[in-house]
């Protein structure tokens, strides 16, 4: 009886799992950089449009 093999799904020519692990590492690195201080966290939230230029919650989030 022949062994069945399970192929690893691929995305853009590389194993999908490796892409997911790389993405998670990227997210973790960004999280650490953004949350390093209150100043960097506020700057990130402003760039993302969550806070307005005055540092208050933007209208869509009120």
PDB file of N, CA and C in Angstrom:
ATOM      1  N   UNK A   1       0.847  -1.179   0.000  1.00  0.00           N
ATOM      2  CA  UNK A   1       0.000   0.000   0.000  1.00  0.00           C
ATOM      3  C   UNK A   1       0.893   1.244   0.000  1.00  0.00           C
ATOM      4  N   UNK A   2       0.613   2.173  -0.861  1.00  0.00           N
ATOM      5  CA  UNK A   2       1.416   3.392  -0.992  1.00  0.00           C
ATOM      6  C   UNK A   2       1.019   4.407   0.074  1.00  0.00           C
ATOM      7  N   UNK A   3       2.026   5.120   0.563  1.00  0.00           N
ATOM      8  CA  UNK A   3       1.753   6.188   1.528  1.00  0.00           C
ATOM      9  C   UNK A   3       1.147   7.375   0.804  1.00  0.00           C
ATOM     10  N   UNK A   4       0.163   7.984   1.428  1.00  0.00           N
ATOM     11  CA  UNK A   4      -0.382   9.199   0.829  1.00  0.00           C
ATOM     12  C   UNK A   4       0.407  10.390   1.373  1.00  0.00           C
ATOM     13  N   UNK A   5       0.580  11.356   0.548  1.00  0.00           N
ATOM     14  CA  UNK A   5       1.292  12.553   0.989  1.00  0.00           C
ATOM     15  C   UNK A   5       0.345  13.732   0.974  1.00  0.00           C
ATOM     16  N   UNK A   6       0.551  14.586   1.915  1.00  0.00           N
ATOM     17  CA  UNK A   6      -0.253  15.804   1.990  1.00  0.00           C
ATOM     18  C   UNK A   6       0.653  16.942   1.555  1.00  0.00           C
ATOM     19  N   UNK A   7       0.253  17.632   0.524  1.00  0.00           N
ATOM     20  CA  UNK A   7       1.086  18.737   0.053  1.00  0.00           C
ATOM     21  C   UNK A   7       0.800  19.988   0.876  1.00  0.00           C
ATOM     22  N   UNK A   8       1.833  20.770   1.062  1.00  0.00           N
ATOM     23  CA  UNK A   8       1.701  22.030   1.778  1.00  0.00           C
ATOM     24  C   UNK A   8       1.146  23.066   0.818  1.00  0.00           C
ATOM     25  N   UNK A   9       0.071  23.759   1.223  1.00  0.00           N
ATOM     26  CA  UNK A   9      -0.458  24.800   0.343  1.00  0.00           C
ATOM     27  C   UNK A   9       0.610  25.867   0.102  1.00  0.00           C
ATOM     28  N   UNK A  10       0.611  26.427  -1.084  1.00  0.00           N
ATOM     29  CA  UNK A  10       1.596  27.464  -1.374  1.00  0.00           C
ATOM     30  C   UNK A  10       0.909  28.769  -1.725  1.00  0.00           C
ATOM     31  N   UNK A  11       1.615  29.827  -1.489  1.00  0.00           N
ATOM     32  CA  UNK A  11       1.144  31.158  -1.830  1.00  0.00           C
ATOM     33  C   UNK A  11       2.332  31.879  -2.429  1.00  0.00           C
ATOM     34  N   UNK A  12       2.208  32.342  -3.646  1.00  0.00           N
ATOM     35  CA  UNK A  12       3.299  33.035  -4.345  1.00  0.00           C
ATOM     36  C   UNK A  12       4.555  32.175  -4.406  1.00  0.00           C
ATOM     37  N   UNK A  13       4.389  30.866  -4.589  1.00  0.00           N
ATOM     38  CA  UNK A  13       5.518  29.978  -4.787  1.00  0.00           C
ATOM     39  C   UNK A  13       6.216  29.490  -3.533  1.00  0.00           C
ATOM     40  N   UNK A  14       5.812  29.956  -2.361  1.00  0.00           N
ATOM     41  CA  UNK A  14       6.450  29.472  -1.135  1.00  0.00           C
ATOM     42  C   UNK A  14       5.394  28.859  -0.228  1.00  0.00           C
ATOM     43  N   UNK A  15       5.806  27.981   0.663  1.00  0.00           N
ATOM     44  CA  UNK A  15       4.818  27.372   1.562  1.00  0.00           C
ATOM     45  C   UNK A  15       4.060  28.431   2.350  1.00  0.00           C
ATOM     46  N   UNK A  16       2.756  28.279   2.393  1.00  0.00           N
ATOM     47  CA  UNK A  16       1.868  29.238   3.050  1.00  0.00           C
ATOM     48  C   UNK A  16       2.258  29.464   4.498  1.00  0.00           C
ATOM     49  N   UNK A  17       2.587  28.415   5.207  1.00  0.00           N
ATOM     50  CA  UNK A  17       2.930  28.529   6.623  1.00  0.00           C
ATOM     51  C   UNK A  17       4.101  29.484   6.830  1.00  0.00           C
ATOM     52  N   UNK A  18       5.077  29.443   5.962  1.00  0.00           N
ATOM     53  CA  UNK A  18       6.216  30.350   6.084  1.00  0.00           C
ATOM     54  C   UNK A  18       5.783  31.796   5.892  1.00  0.00           C
ATOM     55  N   UNK A  19       4.855  32.034   4.975  1.00  0.00           N
ATOM     56  CA  UNK A  19       4.353  33.382   4.773  1.00  0.00           C
ATOM     57  C   UNK A  19       3.613  33.878   6.005  1.00  0.00           C
ATOM     58  N   UNK A  20       2.832  33.023   6.622  1.00  0.00           N
ATOM     59  CA  UNK A  20       2.091  33.398   7.825  1.00  0.00           C
ATOM     60  C   UNK A  20       3.060  33.712   8.959  1.00  0.00           C
ATOM     61  N   UNK A  21       4.066  32.882   9.135  1.00  0.00           N
ATOM     62  CA  UNK A  21       5.040  33.118  10.195  1.00  0.00           C
ATOM     63  C   UNK A  21       5.793  34.422   9.971  1.00  0.00           C
ATOM     64  N   UNK A  22       6.141  34.726   8.742  1.00  0.00           N
ATOM     65  CA  UNK A  22       6.829  35.982   8.428  1.00  0.00           C
ATOM     66  C   UNK A  22       5.919  37.170   8.708  1.00  0.00           C
ATOM     67  N   UNK A  23       4.655  37.044   8.365  1.00  0.00           N
ATOM     68  CA  UNK A  23       3.691  38.119   8.609  1.00  0.00           C
ATOM     69  C   UNK A  23       3.507  38.354  10.104  1.00  0.00           C
ATOM     70  N   UNK A  24       3.390  37.273  10.876  1.00  0.00           N
ATOM     71  CA  UNK A  24       3.252  37.413  12.326  1.00  0.00           C
ATOM     72  C   UNK A  24       4.482  38.078  12.935  1.00  0.00           C
ATOM     73  N   UNK A  25       5.656  37.740  12.447  1.00  0.00           N
ATOM     74  CA  UNK A  25       6.891  38.357  12.926  1.00  0.00           C
ATOM     75  C   UNK A  25       6.893  39.851  12.604  1.00  0.00           C
ATOM     76  N   UNK A  26       6.433  40.203  11.416  1.00  0.00           N
ATOM     77  CA  UNK A  26       6.353  41.601  11.006  1.00  0.00           C
ATOM     78  C   UNK A  26       5.379  42.376  11.890  1.00  0.00           C
ATOM     79  N   UNK A  27       4.236  41.770  12.190  1.00  0.00           N
ATOM     80  CA  UNK A  27       3.241  42.407  13.055  1.00  0.00           C
ATOM     81  C   UNK A  27       3.813  42.615  14.450  1.00  0.00           C
ATOM     82  N   UNK A  28       4.493  41.611  14.980  1.00  0.00           N
ATOM     83  CA  UNK A  28       5.086  41.713  16.310  1.00  0.00           C
ATOM     84  C   UNK A  28       6.140  42.823  16.359  1.00  0.00           C
ATOM     85  N   UNK A  29       6.966  42.915  15.330  1.00  0.00           N
ATOM     86  CA  UNK A  29       7.998  43.949  15.265  1.00  0.00           C
ATOM     87  C   UNK A  29       7.364  45.339  15.236  1.00  0.00           C
ATOM     88  N   UNK A  30       6.323  45.498  14.422  1.00  0.00           N
ATOM     89  CA  UNK A  30       5.625  46.780  14.335  1.00  0.00           C
ATOM     90  C   UNK A  30       4.967  47.125  15.664  1.00  0.00           C
ATOM     91  N   UNK A  31       4.334  46.149  16.300  1.00  0.00           N
ATOM     92  CA  UNK A  31       3.684  46.365  17.594  1.00  0.00           C
ATOM     93  C   UNK A  31       4.688  46.878  18.623  1.00  0.00           C
ATOM     94  N   UNK A  32       5.844  46.240  18.683  1.00  0.00           N
ATOM     95  CA  UNK A  32       6.867  46.651  19.651  1.00  0.00           C
ATOM     96  C   UNK A  32       7.354  48.066  19.370  1.00  0.00           C
ATOM     97  N   UNK A  33       7.520  48.391  18.083  1.00  0.00           N
ATOM     98  CA  UNK A  33       7.996  49.727  17.710  1.00  0.00           C
ATOM     99  C   UNK A  33       6.953  50.789  18.046  1.00  0.00           C
ATOM    100  N   UNK A  34       5.695  50.517  17.739  1.00  0.00           N
ATOM    101  CA  UNK A  34       4.618  51.484  17.937  1.00  0.00           C
ATOM    102  C   UNK A  34       4.325  51.710  19.416  1.00  0.00           C
ATOM    103  N   UNK A  35       4.411  50.669  20.221  1.00  0.00           N
ATOM    104  CA  UNK A  35       4.045  50.787  21.638  1.00  0.00           C
ATOM    105  C   UNK A  35       5.238  51.068  22.544  1.00  0.00           C
ATOM    106  N   UNK A  36       6.353  51.446  21.952  1.00  0.00           N
ATOM    107  CA  UNK A  36       7.562  51.715  22.729  1.00  0.00           C
ATOM    108  C   UNK A  36       7.339  52.862  23.721  1.00  0.00           C
ATOM    109  N   UNK A  37       6.557  53.854  23.329  1.00  0.00           N
ATOM    110  CA  UNK A  37       6.265  54.981  24.217  1.00  0.00           C
ATOM    111  C   UNK A  37       4.875  55.524  23.899  1.00  0.00           C
ATOM    112  N   UNK A  38       4.378  56.344  24.779  1.00  0.00           N
ATOM    113  CA  UNK A  38       3.071  56.960  24.562  1.00  0.00           C
ATOM    114  C   UNK A  38       3.112  57.845  23.313  1.00  0.00           C
ATOM    115  N   UNK A  39       4.226  58.537  23.122  1.00  0.00           N
ATOM    116  CA  UNK A  39       4.383  59.434  21.975  1.00  0.00           C
ATOM    117  C   UNK A  39       4.304  58.664  20.653  1.00  0.00           C
ATOM    118  N   UNK A  40       4.990  57.526  20.560  1.00  0.00           N
ATOM    119  CA  UNK A  40       4.958  56.746  19.314  1.00  0.00           C
ATOM    120  C   UNK A  40       3.582  56.114  19.091  1.00  0.00           C
ATOM    121  N   UNK A  41       2.916  55.736  20.173  1.00  0.00           N
ATOM    122  CA  UNK A  41       1.574  55.155  20.052  1.00  0.00           C
ATOM    123  C   UNK A  41       0.587  56.196  19.524  1.00  0.00           C
ATOM    124  N   UNK A  42       0.644  57.406  20.056  1.00  0.00           N
ATOM    125  CA  UNK A  42      -0.248  58.476  19.607  1.00  0.00           C
ATOM    126  C   UNK A  42       0.042  58.834  18.150  1.00  0.00           C
ATOM    127  N   UNK A  43       1.316  58.908  17.793  1.00  0.00           N
ATOM    128  CA  UNK A  43       1.683  59.215  16.402  1.00  0.00           C
ATOM    129  C   UNK A  43       1.123  58.155  15.453  1.00  0.00           C
ATOM    130  N   UNK A  44       1.214  56.886  15.827  1.00  0.00           N
ATOM    131  CA  UNK A  44       0.675  55.804  15.003  1.00  0.00           C
ATOM    132  C   UNK A  44      -0.841  55.938  14.856  1.00  0.00           C
ATOM    133  N   UNK A  45      -1.539  56.189  15.951  1.00  0.00           N
ATOM    134  CA  UNK A  45      -3.000  56.310  15.911  1.00  0.00           C
ATOM    135  C   UNK A  45      -3.434  57.503  15.063  1.00  0.00           C
ATOM    136  N   UNK A  46      -2.655  58.572  15.067  1.00  0.00           N
ATOM    137  CA  UNK A  46      -2.950  59.728  14.208  1.00  0.00           C
ATOM    138  C   UNK A  46      -2.757  59.356  12.743  1.00  0.00           C
ATOM    139  N   UNK A  47      -1.650  58.679  12.411  1.00  0.00           N
ATOM    140  CA  UNK A  47      -1.405  58.262  11.028  1.00  0.00           C
ATOM    141  C   UNK A  47      -2.482  57.296  10.538  1.00  0.00           C
ATOM    142  N   UNK A  48      -2.991  56.485  11.441  1.00  0.00           N
ATOM    143  CA  UNK A  48      -4.025  55.511  11.077  1.00  0.00           C
ATOM    144  C   UNK A  48      -5.407  56.154  10.974  1.00  0.00           C
ATOM    145  N   UNK A  49      -5.525  57.418  11.413  1.00  0.00           N
ATOM    146  CA  UNK A  49      -6.805  58.112  11.341  1.00  0.00           C
ATOM    147  C   UNK A  49      -7.727  57.812  12.503  1.00  0.00           C
ATOM    148  N   UNK A  50      -7.221  57.189  13.535  1.00  0.00           N
ATOM    149  CA  UNK A  50      -8.035  56.861  14.704  1.00  0.00           C
ATOM    150  C   UNK A  50      -8.124  58.062  15.631  1.00  0.00           C
ATOM    151  N   UNK A  51      -7.040  58.830  15.698  1.00  0.00           N
ATOM    152  CA  UNK A  51      -7.037  60.086  16.445  1.00  0.00           C
ATOM    153  C   UNK A  51      -6.937  61.232  15.453  1.00  0.00           C
ATOM    154  N   UNK A  52      -7.561  62.378  15.812  1.00  0.00           N
ATOM    155  CA  UNK A  52      -7.431  63.548  14.947  1.00  0.00           C
ATOM    156  C   UNK A  52      -6.123  64.270  15.262  1.00  0.00           C
ATOM    157  N   UNK A  53      -5.890  65.391  14.616  1.00  0.00           N
ATOM    158  CA  UNK A  53      -4.623  66.107  14.793  1.00  0.00           C
ATOM    159  C   UNK A  53      -4.435  66.636  16.208  1.00  0.00           C
ATOM    160  N   UNK A  54      -5.529  66.790  16.942  1.00  0.00           N
ATOM    161  CA  UNK A  54      -5.454  67.267  18.326  1.00  0.00           C
ATOM    162  C   UNK A  54      -5.272  66.121  19.317  1.00  0.00           C
ATOM    163  N   UNK A  55      -5.285  64.898  18.835  1.00  0.00           N
ATOM    164  CA  UNK A  55      -5.116  63.739  19.705  1.00  0.00           C
ATOM    165  C   UNK A  55      -6.417  63.210  20.286  1.00  0.00           C
ATOM    166  N   UNK A  56      -7.532  63.707  19.770  1.00  0.00           N
ATOM    167  CA  UNK A  56      -8.843  63.235  20.226  1.00  0.00           C
ATOM    168  C   UNK A  56      -9.346  62.171  19.260  1.00  0.00           C
ATOM    169  N   UNK A  57     -10.254  61.346  19.732  1.00  0.00           N
ATOM    170  CA  UNK A  57     -10.820  60.285  18.907  1.00  0.00           C
ATOM    171  C   UNK A  57     -11.462  60.882  17.655  1.00  0.00           C
ATOM    172  N   UNK A  58     -11.127  60.361  16.497  1.00  0.00           N
ATOM    173  CA  UNK A  58     -11.664  60.858  15.226  1.00  0.00           C
ATOM    174  C   UNK A  58     -13.167  60.583  15.149  1.00  0.00           C
ATOM    175  N   UNK A  59     -13.866  61.405  14.375  1.00  0.00           N
ATOM    176  CA  UNK A  59     -15.331  61.317  14.277  1.00  0.00           C
ATOM    177  C   UNK A  59     -15.868  59.911  14.011  1.00  0.00           C
ATOM    178  N   UNK A  60     -15.298  59.150  13.065  1.00  0.00           N
ATOM    179  CA  UNK A  60     -15.871  57.819  12.805  1.00  0.00           C
ATOM    180  C   UNK A  60     -15.825  56.875  14.014  1.00  0.00           C
ATOM    181  N   UNK A  61     -15.007  57.187  15.001  1.00  0.00           N
ATOM    182  CA  UNK A  61     -14.847  56.304  16.162  1.00  0.00           C
ATOM    183  C   UNK A  61     -15.544  56.832  17.410  1.00  0.00           C
ATOM    184  N   UNK A  62     -16.250  57.931  17.278  1.00  0.00           N
ATOM    185  CA  UNK A  62     -16.961  58.491  18.440  1.00  0.00           C
ATOM    186  C   UNK A  62     -18.287  57.821  18.631  1.00  0.00           C
TER     187      UNK A  62
END
